[in-house]
């Protein structure tokens, strides 16, 4: 008789304990059922259903065009696949900025319609009212500071943020404000390693970095980038664990050849 092993789910509490014990948190993006199943099976701690789906799944230049309905579609797909990981869904551009009531409604829709465990929002003091309002509904919020891709047109470039003293000081203040408001973790994107390390030591909640060095509590990458499916994207912070672009291209061209020559299907592959 096979004994069904109980899977211990990762929660926001688990992540806080990991930081307290000095255990690093691993996080990857996921957008669909098949990929999320494999990521979860590997033992990842957090799956971020990122608005980066706008880029890697839909081919947009920025994260701005993706809608709340589309994020819900991706979120629900991932939730159906996952047994262990904590699932965080990005609130997309336009669904929370400047209107805390709309922010709350957006977050409630994500939680109800996907079954995910938390939402993520970009920004600091300027969105704090929305963060607080969402938290009053019992919805966990992950923050996101540094390079915030939804504000790309304000920045005008994807260069490293917070190199100047003034912006660095503001980032630290924003991190403290997000912690005080009740966020359970913060993503820091593309900022100097020393600053990220300083933030991780200043606040009690977990800090997860992407291009923010090794002095933080965990790391996140876009799954299509680290698998080498996107072969045009090569920032310094990205480690490619595979060259799937090459392998997939090889498989597809071999299939085309086999179909054209009549080699596929062979006698064993038909009824």
C-alpha atoms as a PDB file:
ATOM      1  CA  UNK A   1       0.000   0.000   0.000  1.00  0.00           C
ATOM      2  CA  UNK A   2       1.471   3.374  -1.003  1.00  0.00           C
ATOM      3  CA  UNK A   3       1.501   6.042   1.696  1.00  0.00           C
ATOM      4  CA  UNK A   4       0.493   9.500   0.408  1.00  0.00           C
ATOM      5  CA  UNK A   5       3.121  11.963   1.599  1.00  0.00           C
ATOM      6  CA  UNK A   6       1.668  15.211   2.937  1.00  0.00           C
ATOM      7  CA  UNK A   7       3.147  18.229   1.154  1.00  0.00           C
ATOM      8  CA  UNK A   8       4.039  21.047   3.547  1.00  0.00           C
ATOM      9  CA  UNK A   9       2.907  24.252   1.861  1.00  0.00           C
ATOM     10  CA  UNK A  10       5.083  27.340   1.903  1.00  0.00           C
ATOM     11  CA  UNK A  11       3.355  30.307   3.579  1.00  0.00           C
ATOM     12  CA  UNK A  12       4.296  33.925   4.283  1.00  0.00           C
ATOM     13  CA  UNK A  13       5.173  32.695   7.795  1.00  0.00           C
ATOM     14  CA  UNK A  14       7.572  30.103   6.302  1.00  0.00           C
ATOM     15  CA  UNK A  15       9.430  32.866   4.437  1.00  0.00           C
ATOM     16  CA  UNK A  16       9.777  34.949   7.602  1.00  0.00           C
ATOM     17  CA  UNK A  17      11.173  31.910   9.447  1.00  0.00           C
ATOM     18  CA  UNK A  18      13.616  31.307   6.581  1.00  0.00           C
ATOM     19  CA  UNK A  19      14.938  34.880   6.886  1.00  0.00           C
ATOM     20  CA  UNK A  20      15.192  34.556  10.665  1.00  0.00           C
ATOM     21  CA  UNK A  21      17.222  31.346  10.303  1.00  0.00           C
ATOM     22  CA  UNK A  22      19.367  32.683   7.452  1.00  0.00           C
ATOM     23  CA  UNK A  23      17.950  30.239   4.875  1.00  0.00           C
ATOM     24  CA  UNK A  24      17.839  31.748   1.381  1.00  0.00           C
ATOM     25  CA  UNK A  25      14.488  31.933  -0.441  1.00  0.00           C
ATOM     26  CA  UNK A  26      14.261  30.777  -4.079  1.00  0.00           C
ATOM     27  CA  UNK A  27      11.648  32.328  -6.357  1.00  0.00           C
ATOM     28  CA  UNK A  28      10.916  31.988 -10.077  1.00  0.00           C
ATOM     29  CA  UNK A  29       8.197  33.320 -12.340  1.00  0.00           C
ATOM     30  CA  UNK A  30       5.549  31.000 -13.748  1.00  0.00           C
ATOM     31  CA  UNK A  31       2.665  31.713 -16.111  1.00  0.00           C
ATOM     32  CA  UNK A  32       1.156  28.393 -17.189  1.00  0.00           C
ATOM     33  CA  UNK A  33       0.128  25.002 -15.807  1.00  0.00           C
ATOM     34  CA  UNK A  34       2.785  22.780 -17.425  1.00  0.00           C
ATOM     35  CA  UNK A  35       5.789  24.913 -16.506  1.00  0.00           C
ATOM     36  CA  UNK A  36       4.528  25.698 -12.982  1.00  0.00           C
ATOM     37  CA  UNK A  37       4.114  21.981 -12.277  1.00  0.00           C
ATOM     38  CA  UNK A  38       7.782  21.329 -12.990  1.00  0.00           C
ATOM     39  CA  UNK A  39       8.950  24.415 -11.062  1.00  0.00           C
ATOM     40  CA  UNK A  40       6.911  23.340  -8.032  1.00  0.00           C
ATOM     41  CA  UNK A  41       8.152  19.735  -8.268  1.00  0.00           C
ATOM     42  CA  UNK A  42      11.737  21.043  -8.141  1.00  0.00           C
ATOM     43  CA  UNK A  43      10.988  22.515  -4.698  1.00  0.00           C
ATOM     44  CA  UNK A  44      10.894  26.264  -5.362  1.00  0.00           C
ATOM     45  CA  UNK A  45       9.682  28.370  -2.411  1.00  0.00           C
ATOM     46  CA  UNK A  46       7.737  31.053  -4.289  1.00  0.00           C
ATOM     47  CA  UNK A  47       6.230  31.242  -7.772  1.00  0.00           C
ATOM     48  CA  UNK A  48       5.597  34.767  -9.001  1.00  0.00           C
ATOM     49  CA  UNK A  49       2.906  35.056 -11.641  1.00  0.00           C
ATOM     50  CA  UNK A  50       4.633  38.127 -12.993  1.00  0.00           C
ATOM     51  CA  UNK A  51       3.291  40.834 -15.243  1.00  0.00           C
ATOM     52  CA  UNK A  52       6.449  39.905 -17.192  1.00  0.00           C
ATOM     53  CA  UNK A  53       3.945  37.571 -18.908  1.00  0.00           C
ATOM     54  CA  UNK A  54       3.283  40.708 -20.958  1.00  0.00           C
ATOM     55  CA  UNK A  55       6.815  40.359 -22.398  1.00  0.00           C
ATOM     56  CA  UNK A  56       7.584  36.630 -22.460  1.00  0.00           C
ATOM     57  CA  UNK A  57       4.112  35.197 -23.104  1.00  0.00           C
ATOM     58  CA  UNK A  58       2.477  37.959 -25.169  1.00  0.00           C
ATOM     59  CA  UNK A  59       5.446  39.643 -26.874  1.00  0.00           C
ATOM     60  CA  UNK A  60       4.821  43.197 -25.650  1.00  0.00           C
ATOM     61  CA  UNK A  61       7.752  45.577 -25.267  1.00  0.00           C
ATOM     62  CA  UNK A  62       6.782  46.532 -21.689  1.00  0.00           C
ATOM     63  CA  UNK A  63       4.680  45.126 -18.834  1.00  0.00           C
ATOM     64  CA  UNK A  64       2.092  47.908 -19.209  1.00  0.00           C
ATOM     65  CA  UNK A  65      -0.388  46.334 -21.693  1.00  0.00           C
ATOM     66  CA  UNK A  66      -1.292  43.212 -19.680  1.00  0.00           C
ATOM     67  CA  UNK A  67      -4.775  43.396 -18.131  1.00  0.00           C
ATOM     68  CA  UNK A  68      -6.202  42.254 -14.818  1.00  0.00           C
ATOM     69  CA  UNK A  69      -8.261  39.578 -16.630  1.00  0.00           C
ATOM     70  CA  UNK A  70      -5.124  38.247 -18.305  1.00  0.00           C
ATOM     71  CA  UNK A  71      -3.231  38.138 -14.997  1.00  0.00           C
ATOM     72  CA  UNK A  72      -6.143  36.205 -13.484  1.00  0.00           C
ATOM     73  CA  UNK A  73      -6.000  33.701 -16.379  1.00  0.00           C
ATOM     74  CA  UNK A  74      -2.265  33.121 -15.812  1.00  0.00           C
ATOM     75  CA  UNK A  75      -2.675  33.033 -12.019  1.00  0.00           C
ATOM     76  CA  UNK A  76      -5.448  30.419 -12.102  1.00  0.00           C
ATOM     77  CA  UNK A  77      -3.390  28.272 -14.507  1.00  0.00           C
ATOM     78  CA  UNK A  78      -0.442  28.268 -12.103  1.00  0.00           C
ATOM     79  CA  UNK A  79      -2.593  27.600  -9.017  1.00  0.00           C
ATOM     80  CA  UNK A  80      -4.006  24.437 -10.631  1.00  0.00           C
ATOM     81  CA  UNK A  81      -0.455  23.104 -11.039  1.00  0.00           C
ATOM     82  CA  UNK A  82       1.087  23.842  -7.660  1.00  0.00           C
ATOM     83  CA  UNK A  83       1.107  21.802  -4.449  1.00  0.00           C
ATOM     84  CA  UNK A  84       3.859  23.366  -2.364  1.00  0.00           C
ATOM     85  CA  UNK A  85       5.037  26.826  -3.440  1.00  0.00           C
ATOM     86  CA  UNK A  86       3.611  30.142  -2.263  1.00  0.00           C
ATOM     87  CA  UNK A  87       1.930  31.780  -5.274  1.00  0.00           C
ATOM     88  CA  UNK A  88       2.138  35.563  -5.662  1.00  0.00           C
ATOM     89  CA  UNK A  89       0.331  37.382  -8.498  1.00  0.00           C
ATOM     90  CA  UNK A  90       1.361  40.803  -9.807  1.00  0.00           C
ATOM     91  CA  UNK A  91      -1.278  43.511  -9.764  1.00  0.00           C
ATOM     92  CA  UNK A  92      -0.915  44.874 -13.308  1.00  0.00           C
ATOM     93  CA  UNK A  93      -0.365  48.497 -14.287  1.00  0.00           C
ATOM     94  CA  UNK A  94      -3.524  50.606 -13.909  1.00  0.00           C
ATOM     95  CA  UNK A  95      -5.256  48.254 -11.462  1.00  0.00           C
ATOM     96  CA  UNK A  96      -4.104  49.930  -8.227  1.00  0.00           C
ATOM     97  CA  UNK A  97      -2.229  53.219  -8.780  1.00  0.00           C
ATOM     98  CA  UNK A  98      -3.918  56.358  -7.488  1.00  0.00           C
ATOM     99  CA  UNK A  99      -7.127  54.719  -6.278  1.00  0.00           C
ATOM    100  CA  UNK A 100      -7.098  52.536  -3.169  1.00  0.00           C
ATOM    101  CA  UNK A 101     -10.706  51.363  -3.700  1.00  0.00           C
ATOM    102  CA  UNK A 102      -9.857  50.113  -7.186  1.00  0.00           C
ATOM    103  CA  UNK A 103      -6.672  48.551  -5.777  1.00  0.00           C
ATOM    104  CA  UNK A 104      -8.689  46.607  -3.210  1.00  0.00           C
ATOM    105  CA  UNK A 105     -11.206  45.436  -5.830  1.00  0.00           C
ATOM    106  CA  UNK A 106      -8.362  44.287  -8.111  1.00  0.00           C
ATOM    107  CA  UNK A 107      -6.662  42.368  -5.300  1.00  0.00           C
ATOM    108  CA  UNK A 108      -9.952  40.739  -4.232  1.00  0.00           C
ATOM    109  CA  UNK A 109     -10.598  39.609  -7.819  1.00  0.00           C
ATOM    110  CA  UNK A 110      -7.127  38.052  -8.038  1.00  0.00           C
ATOM    111  CA  UNK A 111      -7.552  36.182  -4.745  1.00  0.00           C
ATOM    112  CA  UNK A 112     -11.099  34.973  -5.493  1.00  0.00           C
ATOM    113  CA  UNK A 113     -10.651  34.087  -9.159  1.00  0.00           C
ATOM    114  CA  UNK A 114      -7.153  32.538  -9.086  1.00  0.00           C
ATOM    115  CA  UNK A 115      -6.854  30.931  -5.645  1.00  0.00           C
ATOM    116  CA  UNK A 116      -3.385  32.503  -5.267  1.00  0.00           C
ATOM    117  CA  UNK A 117      -1.921  33.356  -1.872  1.00  0.00           C
ATOM    118  CA  UNK A 118      -0.755  36.974  -2.227  1.00  0.00           C
ATOM    119  CA  UNK A 119      -0.394  39.952  -4.572  1.00  0.00           C
ATOM    120  CA  UNK A 120       2.636  42.042  -5.517  1.00  0.00           C
ATOM    121  CA  UNK A 121       2.648  45.812  -6.108  1.00  0.00           C
ATOM    122  CA  UNK A 122       5.308  48.200  -7.411  1.00  0.00           C
ATOM    123  CA  UNK A 123       6.141  51.386  -5.561  1.00  0.00           C
ATOM    124  CA  UNK A 124       6.685  52.902  -2.136  1.00  0.00           C
ATOM    125  CA  UNK A 125       5.131  55.862  -0.343  1.00  0.00           C
ATOM    126  CA  UNK A 126       2.995  56.786  -3.391  1.00  0.00           C
ATOM    127  CA  UNK A 127       1.005  53.506  -3.165  1.00  0.00           C
ATOM    128  CA  UNK A 128       1.028  53.048   0.617  1.00  0.00           C
ATOM    129  CA  UNK A 129      -2.682  53.855   0.987  1.00  0.00           C
ATOM    130  CA  UNK A 130      -3.553  51.098  -1.506  1.00  0.00           C
ATOM    131  CA  UNK A 131      -1.213  48.660   0.266  1.00  0.00           C
ATOM    132  CA  UNK A 132      -2.888  49.357   3.629  1.00  0.00           C
ATOM    133  CA  UNK A 133      -6.367  49.014   2.193  1.00  0.00           C
ATOM    134  CA  UNK A 134      -5.588  45.637   0.596  1.00  0.00           C
ATOM    135  CA  UNK A 135      -4.028  44.404   3.833  1.00  0.00           C
ATOM    136  CA  UNK A 136      -7.157  45.355   5.811  1.00  0.00           C
ATOM    137  CA  UNK A 137      -9.002  42.772   3.690  1.00  0.00           C
ATOM    138  CA  UNK A 138      -6.560  40.113   4.893  1.00  0.00           C
ATOM    139  CA  UNK A 139      -4.733  39.872   1.565  1.00  0.00           C
ATOM    140  CA  UNK A 140      -0.940  39.481   1.896  1.00  0.00           C
ATOM    141  CA  UNK A 141       1.094  42.032  -0.092  1.00  0.00           C
ATOM    142  CA  UNK A 142       4.630  41.737  -1.444  1.00  0.00           C
ATOM    143  CA  UNK A 143       6.296  45.057  -2.266  1.00  0.00           C
ATOM    144  CA  UNK A 144       8.603  45.882  -5.187  1.00  0.00           C
ATOM    145  CA  UNK A 145      11.187  48.696  -5.166  1.00  0.00           C
ATOM    146  CA  UNK A 146      14.185  49.807  -7.231  1.00  0.00           C
ATOM    147  CA  UNK A 147      13.643  49.352 -10.937  1.00  0.00           C
ATOM    148  CA  UNK A 148       9.856  49.138 -11.164  1.00  0.00           C
ATOM    149  CA  UNK A 149       9.107  48.140 -14.773  1.00  0.00           C
ATOM    150  CA  UNK A 150       5.541  49.531 -14.690  1.00  0.00           C
ATOM    151  CA  UNK A 151       7.154  52.992 -14.361  1.00  0.00           C
ATOM    152  CA  UNK A 152       9.512  52.475 -17.295  1.00  0.00           C
ATOM    153  CA  UNK A 153       8.281  55.536 -19.170  1.00  0.00           C
ATOM    154  CA  UNK A 154       8.992  57.702 -16.126  1.00  0.00           C
ATOM    155  CA  UNK A 155      12.559  56.348 -15.906  1.00  0.00           C
ATOM    156  CA  UNK A 156      13.023  56.219 -19.690  1.00  0.00           C
ATOM    157  CA  UNK A 157      15.606  53.434 -19.289  1.00  0.00           C
ATOM    158  CA  UNK A 158      16.199  50.056 -17.629  1.00  0.00           C
ATOM    159  CA  UNK A 159      19.492  51.115 -15.998  1.00  0.00           C
ATOM    160  CA  UNK A 160      20.420  50.405 -12.370  1.00  0.00           C
ATOM    161  CA  UNK A 161      18.377  52.467  -9.894  1.00  0.00           C
ATOM    162  CA  UNK A 162      19.299  54.205  -6.632  1.00  0.00           C
ATOM    163  CA  UNK A 163      22.975  54.844  -7.363  1.00  0.00           C
ATOM    164  CA  UNK A 164      22.625  58.440  -6.151  1.00  0.00           C
ATOM    165  CA  UNK A 165      22.438  59.107  -2.417  1.00  0.00           C
ATOM    166  CA  UNK A 166      19.028  60.796  -2.546  1.00  0.00           C
ATOM    167  CA  UNK A 167      17.310  57.952  -4.405  1.00  0.00           C
ATOM    168  CA  UNK A 168      19.039  55.386  -2.165  1.00  0.00           C
ATOM    169  CA  UNK A 169      17.789  57.144   0.998  1.00  0.00           C
ATOM    170  CA  UNK A 170      14.273  57.273  -0.437  1.00  0.00           C
ATOM    171  CA  UNK A 171      14.412  53.553  -1.256  1.00  0.00           C
ATOM    172  CA  UNK A 172      15.340  52.709   2.345  1.00  0.00           C
ATOM    173  CA  UNK A 173      12.494  54.915   3.625  1.00  0.00           C
ATOM    174  CA  UNK A 174      10.069  53.252   1.204  1.00  0.00           C
ATOM    175  CA  UNK A 175      11.165  49.783   2.357  1.00  0.00           C
ATOM    176  CA  UNK A 176      10.555  50.779   5.985  1.00  0.00           C
ATOM    177  CA  UNK A 177       7.149  52.231   5.059  1.00  0.00           C
ATOM    178  CA  UNK A 178       6.120  49.029   3.248  1.00  0.00           C
ATOM    179  CA  UNK A 179       7.227  46.940   6.231  1.00  0.00           C
ATOM    180  CA  UNK A 180       5.326  49.224   8.626  1.00  0.00           C
ATOM    181  CA  UNK A 181       2.197  49.013   6.462  1.00  0.00           C
ATOM    182  CA  UNK A 182       2.343  45.219   6.775  1.00  0.00           C
ATOM    183  CA  UNK A 183       3.978  43.827   3.602  1.00  0.00           C
ATOM    184  CA  UNK A 184       5.336  40.302   4.159  1.00  0.00           C
ATOM    185  CA  UNK A 185       8.308  40.698   1.746  1.00  0.00           C
ATOM    186  CA  UNK A 186       9.823  43.091  -0.795  1.00  0.00           C
ATOM    187  CA  UNK A 187      11.433  42.502  -4.189  1.00  0.00           C
ATOM    188  CA  UNK A 188      14.406  44.779  -4.922  1.00  0.00           C
ATOM    189  CA  UNK A 189      15.202  45.047  -8.621  1.00  0.00           C
ATOM    190  CA  UNK A 190      18.438  46.220 -10.230  1.00  0.00           C
ATOM    191  CA  UNK A 191      19.988  48.294  -7.456  1.00  0.00           C
ATOM    192  CA  UNK A 192      23.569  48.347  -6.086  1.00  0.00           C
ATOM    193  CA  UNK A 193      24.385  45.244  -4.009  1.00  0.00           C
ATOM    194  CA  UNK A 194      25.569  47.263  -0.983  1.00  0.00           C
ATOM    195  CA  UNK A 195      22.268  49.176  -0.841  1.00  0.00           C
ATOM    196  CA  UNK A 196      20.187  45.985  -1.145  1.00  0.00           C
ATOM    197  CA  UNK A 197      22.199  44.381   1.641  1.00  0.00           C
ATOM    198  CA  UNK A 198      21.634  47.464   3.798  1.00  0.00           C
ATOM    199  CA  UNK A 199      17.854  47.237   3.194  1.00  0.00           C
ATOM    200  CA  UNK A 200      17.817  43.515   4.074  1.00  0.00           C
ATOM    201  CA  UNK A 201      19.526  44.301   7.383  1.00  0.00           C
ATOM    202  CA  UNK A 202      17.372  47.374   8.118  1.00  0.00           C
ATOM    203  CA  UNK A 203      13.968  45.698   7.787  1.00  0.00           C
ATOM    204  CA  UNK A 204      12.793  42.503   9.463  1.00  0.00           C
ATOM    205  CA  UNK A 205      10.819  41.132   6.491  1.00  0.00           C
ATOM    206  CA  UNK A 206      12.408  39.047   3.687  1.00  0.00           C
ATOM    207  CA  UNK A 207      14.081  40.944   0.831  1.00  0.00           C
ATOM    208  CA  UNK A 208      14.205  39.125  -2.500  1.00  0.00           C
ATOM    209  CA  UNK A 209      16.606  40.417  -5.123  1.00  0.00           C
ATOM    210  CA  UNK A 210      16.834  40.447  -8.897  1.00  0.00           C
ATOM    211  CA  UNK A 211      20.063  42.122  -9.918  1.00  0.00           C
ATOM    212  CA  UNK A 212      20.483  43.235  -6.295  1.00  0.00           C
ATOM    213  CA  UNK A 213      23.482  41.177  -5.235  1.00  0.00           C
ATOM    214  CA  UNK A 214      23.941  38.392  -2.712  1.00  0.00           C
ATOM    215  CA  UNK A 215      23.350  40.220   0.568  1.00  0.00           C
ATOM    216  CA  UNK A 216      19.572  39.765   0.439  1.00  0.00           C
ATOM    217  CA  UNK A 217      17.297  36.982   1.731  1.00  0.00           C
ATOM    218  CA  UNK A 218      16.467  35.361  -1.606  1.00  0.00           C
ATOM    219  CA  UNK A 219      16.568  35.611  -5.389  1.00  0.00           C
ATOM    220  CA  UNK A 220      14.041  35.721  -8.242  1.00  0.00           C
ATOM    221  CA  UNK A 221      14.516  35.278 -11.998  1.00  0.00           C
ATOM    222  CA  UNK A 222      12.167  35.129 -14.975  1.00  0.00           C
ATOM    223  CA  UNK A 223      11.927  31.437 -15.889  1.00  0.00           C
ATOM    224  CA  UNK A 224      12.190  32.017 -19.668  1.00  0.00           C
ATOM    225  CA  UNK A 225      15.399  33.998 -19.096  1.00  0.00           C
ATOM    226  CA  UNK A 226      17.173  31.503 -16.816  1.00  0.00           C
ATOM    227  CA  UNK A 227      16.245  28.607 -19.144  1.00  0.00           C
ATOM    228  CA  UNK A 228      17.703  30.451 -22.126  1.00  0.00           C
ATOM    229  CA  UNK A 229      14.432  30.432 -24.080  1.00  0.00           C
ATOM    230  CA  UNK A 230      14.843  34.205 -24.569  1.00  0.00           C
ATOM    231  CA  UNK A 231      18.276  34.298 -26.147  1.00  0.00           C
ATOM    232  CA  UNK A 232      18.300  38.077 -26.813  1.00  0.00           C
ATOM    233  CA  UNK A 233      18.137  39.069 -23.124  1.00  0.00           C
ATOM    234  CA  UNK A 234      21.567  39.081 -21.443  1.00  0.00           C
ATOM    235  CA  UNK A 235      21.747  41.459 -18.467  1.00  0.00           C
ATOM    236  CA  UNK A 236      24.646  41.087 -16.032  1.00  0.00           C
ATOM    237  CA  UNK A 237      22.419  39.713 -13.245  1.00  0.00           C
ATOM    238  CA  UNK A 238      21.100  36.794 -15.296  1.00  0.00           C
ATOM    239  CA  UNK A 239      22.623  33.325 -14.987  1.00  0.00           C
ATOM    240  CA  UNK A 240      21.417  31.041 -17.790  1.00  0.00           C
ATOM    241  CA  UNK A 241      21.019  27.481 -16.506  1.00  0.00           C
ATOM    242  CA  UNK A 242      20.203  26.102 -19.948  1.00  0.00           C
ATOM    243  CA  UNK A 243      20.137  26.995 -23.626  1.00  0.00           C
ATOM    244  CA  UNK A 244      16.607  25.815 -24.340  1.00  0.00           C
ATOM    245  CA  UNK A 245      16.368  28.092 -27.372  1.00  0.00           C
ATOM    246  CA  UNK A 246      18.991  25.973 -29.136  1.00  0.00           C
ATOM    247  CA  UNK A 247      17.561  22.654 -27.929  1.00  0.00           C
ATOM    248  CA  UNK A 248      13.991  23.488 -28.887  1.00  0.00           C
ATOM    249  CA  UNK A 249      15.067  24.795 -32.274  1.00  0.00           C
ATOM    250  CA  UNK A 250      16.899  21.510 -32.848  1.00  0.00           C
ATOM    251  CA  UNK A 251      13.832  19.446 -31.901  1.00  0.00           C
ATOM    252  CA  UNK A 252      11.517  21.456 -34.161  1.00  0.00           C
ATOM    253  CA  UNK A 253      13.823  21.287 -37.185  1.00  0.00           C
ATOM    254  CA  UNK A 254      14.298  17.522 -36.690  1.00  0.00           C
ATOM    255  CA  UNK A 255      10.491  17.091 -36.585  1.00  0.00           C
ATOM    256  CA  UNK A 256      10.049  19.120 -39.793  1.00  0.00           C
ATOM    257  CA  UNK A 257      12.731  17.020 -41.518  1.00  0.00           C
ATOM    258  CA  UNK A 258      11.140  13.732 -40.370  1.00  0.00           C
ATOM    259  CA  UNK A 259       7.689  14.813 -41.588  1.00  0.00           C
ATOM    260  CA  UNK A 260       9.038  15.981 -44.944  1.00  0.00           C
ATOM    261  CA  UNK A 261      11.019  12.776 -45.576  1.00  0.00           C
ATOM    262  CA  UNK A 262       8.108  10.548 -44.489  1.00  0.00           C
ATOM    263  CA  UNK A 263      10.198   9.133 -41.618  1.00  0.00           C
ATOM    264  CA  UNK A 264       7.555  10.258 -39.106  1.00  0.00           C
ATOM    265  CA  UNK A 265       5.360   8.448 -38.298  1.00  0.00           C
ATOM    266  CA  UNK A 266       7.047   5.069 -38.768  1.00  0.00           C
ATOM    267  CA  UNK A 267       5.412   1.622 -38.567  1.00  0.00           C
ATOM    268  CA  UNK A 268       5.487   1.601 -34.739  1.00  0.00           C
ATOM    269  CA  UNK A 269       3.888   5.057 -34.538  1.00  0.00           C
ATOM    270  CA  UNK A 270       0.654   4.255 -36.336  1.00  0.00           C
ATOM    271  CA  UNK A 271      -2.403   2.052 -35.721  1.00  0.00           C
END
